[in-house]
Amino acid sequence: MLNRKISDCLTIWIDHRAAILVYFPGDRFQNGKNVWIEEGLNGEKRDHSLQHRNGHHQEALKHYYKHIIDKLRHMVHINDIIIMGPGQAKYELRRHIDQHKFLKGKIRSIQNASQMSEAEIKTLASQYYYH
């Protein structure tokens, strides 16, 4: 177990289709207090050109990450963030987080992880902070 007081923590599992955000207030770490699920990209429409779809895809991703940042803006006491997921979305989210002063330096870990349930996310985060 860590010798320091556990700060408010946030664990995010993300891919381009969805993000699961689990918030752990400091002394109640084992019981992720709040869970938010943010919907990401839906299936691509095939009736547009590749260039149009790529442009739409990038704009939709920007909007998706902005929604996540907006949620984080209200979690003012977060000091530790773990981001996990199967693909590039975790790195893309990190780039967006790094652009906001109130979040800078709060990412503690980025990890590869396949699809996970809320319980699995809580277990992995607990292992990270307590081992």
Protein backbone atom coordinates (compact mmCIF):
# COMPACT_ATOMS: atom_id res chain seq x y z
CA MET A 1 0.00 0.00 0.00
CA LEU A 2 1.20 3.52 -0.66
CA ASN A 3 2.33 5.48 2.37
CA ARG A 4 0.86 8.72 1.15
CA LYS A 5 -2.78 9.77 1.37
CA ILE A 6 -4.59 8.65 -1.76
CA SER A 7 -5.75 11.70 -3.68
CA ASP A 8 -8.87 11.83 -5.78
CA CYS A 9 -8.26 9.54 -8.72
CA LEU A 10 -9.83 9.03 -12.11
CA THR A 11 -9.50 5.99 -14.29
CA ILE A 12 -10.57 6.25 -17.92
CA TRP A 13 -11.06 3.32 -20.26
CA ILE A 14 -11.38 4.67 -23.80
CA ASP A 15 -11.63 3.71 -27.43
CA HIS A 16 -13.16 5.66 -30.32
CA ARG A 17 -16.67 4.33 -29.59
CA ALA A 18 -16.97 4.91 -25.84
CA ALA A 19 -15.23 6.13 -22.72
CA ILE A 20 -15.88 4.90 -19.20
CA LEU A 21 -14.76 7.35 -16.51
CA VAL A 22 -14.60 6.05 -12.95
CA TYR A 23 -13.98 8.62 -10.21
CA PHE A 24 -12.49 7.56 -6.88
CA PRO A 25 -12.66 10.14 -4.06
CA GLY A 26 -9.49 9.80 -1.93
CA ASP A 27 -10.47 7.73 1.08
CA ARG A 28 -13.23 5.76 -0.65
CA PHE A 29 -10.99 4.38 -3.37
CA GLN A 30 -12.39 0.87 -3.42
CA ASN A 31 -15.88 2.12 -4.24
CA GLY A 32 -15.64 4.09 -7.47
CA LYS A 33 -18.12 6.81 -6.54
CA ASN A 34 -19.24 8.02 -9.92
CA VAL A 35 -19.23 6.37 -13.30
CA TRP A 36 -19.80 8.25 -16.54
CA ILE A 37 -20.07 6.68 -19.94
CA GLU A 38 -19.42 8.98 -22.88
CA GLU A 39 -20.49 7.85 -26.32
CA GLY A 40 -17.93 8.26 -29.06
CA LEU A 41 -18.07 7.63 -32.77
CA ASN A 42 -20.86 5.68 -34.35
CA GLY A 43 -20.52 3.69 -37.55
CA GLU A 44 -19.21 5.51 -40.61
CA LYS A 45 -21.67 6.38 -43.34
CA ARG A 46 -20.61 4.97 -46.71
CA ASP A 47 -22.45 7.45 -48.95
CA HIS A 48 -19.71 10.12 -48.72
CA SER A 49 -16.24 10.32 -50.20
CA LEU A 50 -13.27 9.05 -48.20
CA GLN A 51 -12.00 12.61 -47.75
CA HIS A 52 -15.40 13.75 -46.41
CA ARG A 53 -15.58 10.77 -44.01
CA ASN A 54 -12.03 11.43 -42.75
CA GLY A 55 -12.83 15.11 -42.14
CA HIS A 56 -16.06 14.21 -40.35
CA HIS A 57 -14.23 11.54 -38.34
CA GLN A 58 -11.61 14.03 -37.09
CA GLU A 59 -14.24 16.62 -36.15
CA ALA A 60 -16.30 14.00 -34.33
CA LEU A 61 -13.21 12.89 -32.37
CA LYS A 62 -12.44 16.49 -31.37
CA HIS A 63 -16.02 16.86 -30.11
CA TYR A 64 -15.79 13.52 -28.25
CA TYR A 65 -12.57 14.48 -26.46
CA LYS A 66 -13.95 17.95 -25.66
CA HIS A 67 -16.93 16.32 -23.90
CA ILE A 68 -14.56 14.24 -21.79
CA ILE A 69 -12.42 17.30 -20.91
CA ASP A 70 -15.61 19.18 -19.96
CA LYS A 71 -16.47 16.40 -17.49
CA LEU A 72 -12.95 16.56 -16.05
CA ARG A 73 -13.24 20.32 -15.61
CA HIS A 74 -15.80 19.70 -12.84
CA MET A 75 -13.53 17.26 -10.98
CA VAL A 76 -11.26 19.90 -9.48
CA HIS A 77 -9.62 17.68 -6.84
CA ILE A 78 -8.30 15.00 -9.18
CA ASN A 79 -4.57 14.52 -8.86
CA ASP A 80 -4.07 11.16 -10.53
CA ILE A 81 -5.42 9.94 -13.87
CA ILE A 82 -4.95 6.51 -15.40
CA ILE A 83 -5.92 6.17 -19.06
CA MET A 84 -6.34 2.76 -20.61
CA GLY A 85 -7.74 1.27 -23.76
CA PRO A 86 -7.01 -0.94 -26.75
CA GLY A 87 -6.00 1.55 -29.43
CA GLN A 88 -4.91 5.09 -30.24
CA ALA A 89 -7.75 6.87 -28.43
CA LYS A 90 -5.86 6.80 -25.11
CA TYR A 91 -2.92 8.66 -26.67
CA GLU A 92 -5.20 11.08 -28.50
CA LEU A 93 -7.02 11.86 -25.23
CA ARG A 94 -3.65 12.45 -23.54
CA ARG A 95 -2.76 15.06 -26.18
CA HIS A 96 -6.07 16.83 -25.49
CA ILE A 97 -5.55 16.65 -21.71
CA ASP A 98 -2.04 18.08 -22.03
CA GLN A 99 -3.50 21.20 -23.67
CA HIS A 100 -5.36 22.14 -20.46
CA LYS A 101 -3.38 23.67 -17.59
CA PHE A 102 -5.77 22.35 -14.92
CA LEU A 103 -5.00 18.77 -16.01
CA LYS A 104 -1.33 19.06 -16.91
CA GLY A 105 0.88 16.61 -15.02
CA LYS A 106 -2.01 14.58 -13.60
CA ILE A 107 -1.72 11.57 -15.90
CA ARG A 108 0.09 8.84 -13.96
CA SER A 109 -0.17 5.98 -16.41
CA ILE A 110 -1.32 5.02 -19.88
CA GLN A 111 -1.94 1.31 -20.32
CA ASN A 112 -3.06 -1.07 -23.03
CA ALA A 113 -6.30 -2.78 -22.09
CA SER A 114 -8.97 -4.57 -24.06
CA GLN A 115 -12.69 -4.04 -23.42
CA MET A 116 -13.31 -3.90 -19.66
CA SER A 117 -16.28 -3.80 -17.30
CA GLU A 118 -16.57 -1.17 -14.56
CA ALA A 119 -15.55 -3.80 -11.98
CA GLU A 120 -12.44 -4.69 -13.99
CA ILE A 121 -11.52 -1.01 -14.32
CA LYS A 122 -11.85 -0.55 -10.55
CA THR A 123 -9.73 -3.64 -9.86
CA LEU A 124 -6.97 -2.56 -12.24
CA ALA A 125 -6.91 0.96 -10.79
CA SER A 126 -6.81 -0.44 -7.25
CA GLN A 127 -3.85 -2.65 -8.17
CA TYR A 128 -2.07 0.34 -9.68
CA TYR A 129 -2.48 2.54 -6.59
CA TYR A 130 -2.10 -0.07 -3.87
CA HIS A 131 0.71 -2.30 -5.19
